[in-house]
Amino acid sequence: MADHSGVLSAPLIIEYPFLRTTGPVIGAFLTGLREAVLLGIKGSDGTVIVPPTEYDSFTGEELTELVEVGPGAEVLTWAWVREPMPKHPMQTPFAWALVKPDGADIGFLQVVDAGSPEAMSTGMRVKPRWAAEREGSIHDLECWEPDV
């Protein structure tokens, strides 16, 4: 048996002690959510992308032209969740939907609280439901609901 009495040891702690700032594009988007305003960004070809990205995914060009979109939107496609899981954003049945805000050219994945799958349809109009208390996070946009 080997003698390990002279071996030095120390606990291994893996950590990443840094913070990432949101930057001018994502920071503006989150600030907009806090103020109940949706922002997109114009791509190099004029396409309006929501949520905004810092760089064009096709050209790699830096993007800077923020534009207000919404507040209304169209459901492009959807899937109903009958039995939400504990980590889902809602604990009552809801739809995951690709929602395209007015003025945007691309939809983004969001939650729609429609009450039943019969109340959902592709092409339906929805409006945002904002959190009662907003702090500048994606959770400020609680969900979307039918705009009837």
Protein backbone atom coordinates (compact mmCIF):
# COMPACT_ATOMS: atom_id res chain seq x y z
CA MET A 1 0.00 0.00 0.00
CA ALA A 2 1.40 3.43 -0.99
CA ASP A 3 2.02 6.12 1.61
CA HIS A 4 -0.03 9.24 0.70
CA SER A 5 0.63 11.18 3.89
CA GLY A 6 2.86 13.74 2.13
CA VAL A 7 0.41 14.41 -0.75
CA LEU A 8 -1.14 17.86 -0.84
CA SER A 9 -4.77 18.12 -1.89
CA ALA A 10 -7.31 20.85 -2.32
CA PRO A 11 -11.01 20.82 -3.19
CA LEU A 12 -11.78 21.44 -6.84
CA ILE A 13 -14.34 24.20 -7.30
CA ILE A 14 -15.42 24.84 -10.87
CA GLU A 15 -16.91 28.29 -11.28
CA TYR A 16 -17.28 31.06 -13.80
CA PRO A 17 -16.90 34.24 -11.75
CA PHE A 18 -17.96 36.73 -14.39
CA LEU A 19 -21.10 38.44 -15.54
CA ARG A 20 -22.13 39.14 -19.11
CA THR A 21 -23.72 42.45 -19.87
CA THR A 22 -26.75 42.44 -22.13
CA GLY A 23 -25.26 44.98 -24.53
CA PRO A 24 -27.10 47.66 -26.49
CA VAL A 25 -29.42 45.35 -28.48
CA ILE A 26 -30.59 42.79 -25.91
CA GLY A 27 -30.50 45.48 -23.21
CA ALA A 28 -32.88 47.64 -25.28
CA PHE A 29 -35.17 44.63 -25.87
CA LEU A 30 -35.34 43.85 -22.13
CA THR A 31 -35.89 47.52 -21.27
CA GLY A 32 -38.71 47.55 -23.81
CA LEU A 33 -40.32 44.54 -22.14
CA ARG A 34 -40.17 46.35 -18.81
CA GLU A 35 -42.05 49.24 -20.47
CA ALA A 36 -44.54 46.85 -22.20
CA VAL A 37 -43.03 47.55 -25.64
CA LEU A 38 -41.79 44.90 -28.10
CA LEU A 39 -38.65 45.67 -30.09
CA GLY A 40 -37.24 43.94 -33.12
CA ILE A 41 -34.21 44.71 -35.26
CA LYS A 42 -33.77 45.15 -39.02
CA GLY A 43 -31.58 42.56 -40.65
CA SER A 44 -29.18 43.49 -43.43
CA ASP A 45 -31.92 42.61 -45.97
CA GLY A 46 -34.58 44.66 -44.14
CA THR A 47 -36.17 41.66 -42.43
CA VAL A 48 -37.42 42.53 -38.94
CA ILE A 49 -36.29 39.94 -36.37
CA VAL A 50 -37.88 39.46 -32.92
CA PRO A 51 -36.32 39.08 -30.46
CA PRO A 52 -33.52 41.24 -31.83
CA THR A 53 -30.09 39.78 -32.45
CA GLU A 54 -26.76 41.58 -32.45
CA TYR A 55 -25.61 40.09 -35.76
CA ASP A 56 -27.30 39.09 -39.01
CA SER A 57 -27.43 35.29 -39.09
CA PHE A 58 -26.83 35.19 -42.87
CA THR A 59 -24.15 37.84 -43.37
CA GLY A 60 -22.60 38.17 -39.91
CA GLU A 61 -23.10 41.94 -40.22
CA GLU A 62 -23.59 43.85 -36.96
CA LEU A 63 -27.21 45.00 -36.56
CA THR A 64 -28.18 48.25 -34.85
CA GLU A 65 -31.54 49.49 -36.22
CA LEU A 66 -34.13 48.70 -33.52
CA VAL A 67 -37.81 48.99 -34.46
CA GLU A 68 -40.99 48.78 -32.40
CA VAL A 69 -43.29 45.88 -33.34
CA GLY A 70 -46.69 44.69 -32.17
CA PRO A 71 -48.38 44.86 -29.85
CA GLY A 72 -50.70 42.52 -31.78
CA ALA A 73 -49.43 39.34 -33.36
CA GLU A 74 -50.37 36.34 -35.49
CA VAL A 75 -50.01 32.67 -34.53
CA LEU A 76 -48.02 30.92 -37.28
CA THR A 77 -48.21 27.41 -35.82
CA TRP A 78 -48.91 25.88 -32.41
CA ALA A 79 -49.00 22.76 -30.24
CA TRP A 80 -51.32 22.23 -27.27
CA VAL A 81 -49.98 21.17 -23.85
CA ARG A 82 -52.75 19.27 -22.04
CA GLU A 83 -50.74 18.39 -18.94
CA PRO A 84 -48.10 20.99 -18.11
CA MET A 85 -44.90 19.81 -16.45
CA PRO A 86 -43.57 21.47 -13.27
CA LYS A 87 -41.02 23.58 -15.19
CA HIS A 88 -43.47 24.82 -17.82
CA PRO A 89 -44.29 28.54 -17.74
CA MET A 90 -47.97 27.84 -16.92
CA GLN A 91 -49.51 25.17 -14.74
CA THR A 92 -52.81 25.16 -16.65
CA PRO A 93 -53.17 23.82 -20.21
CA PHE A 94 -51.65 26.18 -22.80
CA ALA A 95 -50.21 26.31 -26.30
CA TRP A 96 -46.62 26.66 -27.38
CA ALA A 97 -46.90 28.85 -30.45
CA LEU A 98 -44.74 30.53 -33.03
CA VAL A 99 -45.96 34.12 -32.63
CA LYS A 100 -45.16 36.80 -35.24
CA PRO A 101 -45.70 40.33 -33.90
CA ASP A 102 -47.16 42.92 -36.29
CA GLY A 103 -44.28 44.55 -38.16
CA ALA A 104 -41.97 41.54 -37.70
CA ASP A 105 -41.08 39.09 -40.45
CA ILE A 106 -40.13 36.17 -38.21
CA GLY A 107 -42.04 34.56 -35.35
CA PHE A 108 -40.65 33.48 -32.01
CA LEU A 109 -41.67 30.68 -29.65
CA GLN A 110 -44.10 31.91 -27.00
CA VAL A 111 -46.88 30.71 -24.69
CA VAL A 112 -50.53 31.35 -25.58
CA ASP A 113 -53.16 31.11 -22.84
CA ALA A 114 -56.27 30.34 -24.89
CA GLY A 115 -58.11 28.12 -22.40
CA SER A 116 -58.67 25.19 -24.77
CA PRO A 117 -57.27 23.75 -28.00
CA GLU A 118 -60.57 24.65 -29.69
CA ALA A 119 -59.79 28.33 -29.05
CA MET A 120 -56.45 28.02 -30.90
CA SER A 121 -55.94 28.25 -34.65
CA THR A 122 -53.17 29.01 -37.07
CA GLY A 123 -53.54 32.61 -38.20
CA MET A 124 -55.39 33.71 -35.07
CA ARG A 125 -54.71 37.14 -33.60
CA VAL A 126 -53.13 37.39 -30.16
CA LYS A 127 -52.11 40.19 -27.83
CA PRO A 128 -49.48 40.23 -25.09
CA ARG A 129 -50.36 39.75 -21.44
CA TRP A 130 -47.80 41.69 -19.45
CA ALA A 131 -46.71 40.72 -15.94
CA ALA A 132 -48.17 42.94 -13.21
CA GLU A 133 -44.66 43.77 -12.00
CA ARG A 134 -42.01 44.07 -14.69
CA GLU A 135 -38.27 44.17 -14.16
CA GLY A 136 -36.68 43.97 -17.60
CA SER A 137 -36.63 40.21 -18.23
CA ILE A 138 -38.24 37.87 -20.75
CA HIS A 139 -40.76 36.97 -18.01
CA ASP A 140 -42.22 40.49 -18.25
CA LEU A 141 -44.14 39.17 -21.26
CA GLU A 142 -46.19 36.68 -19.24
CA CYS A 143 -47.87 35.11 -22.27
CA TRP A 144 -50.11 35.88 -25.23
CA GLU A 145 -53.88 35.61 -25.25
CA PRO A 146 -56.54 35.63 -27.97
CA ASP A 147 -57.34 39.09 -29.28
CA VAL A 148 -61.10 38.77 -29.73
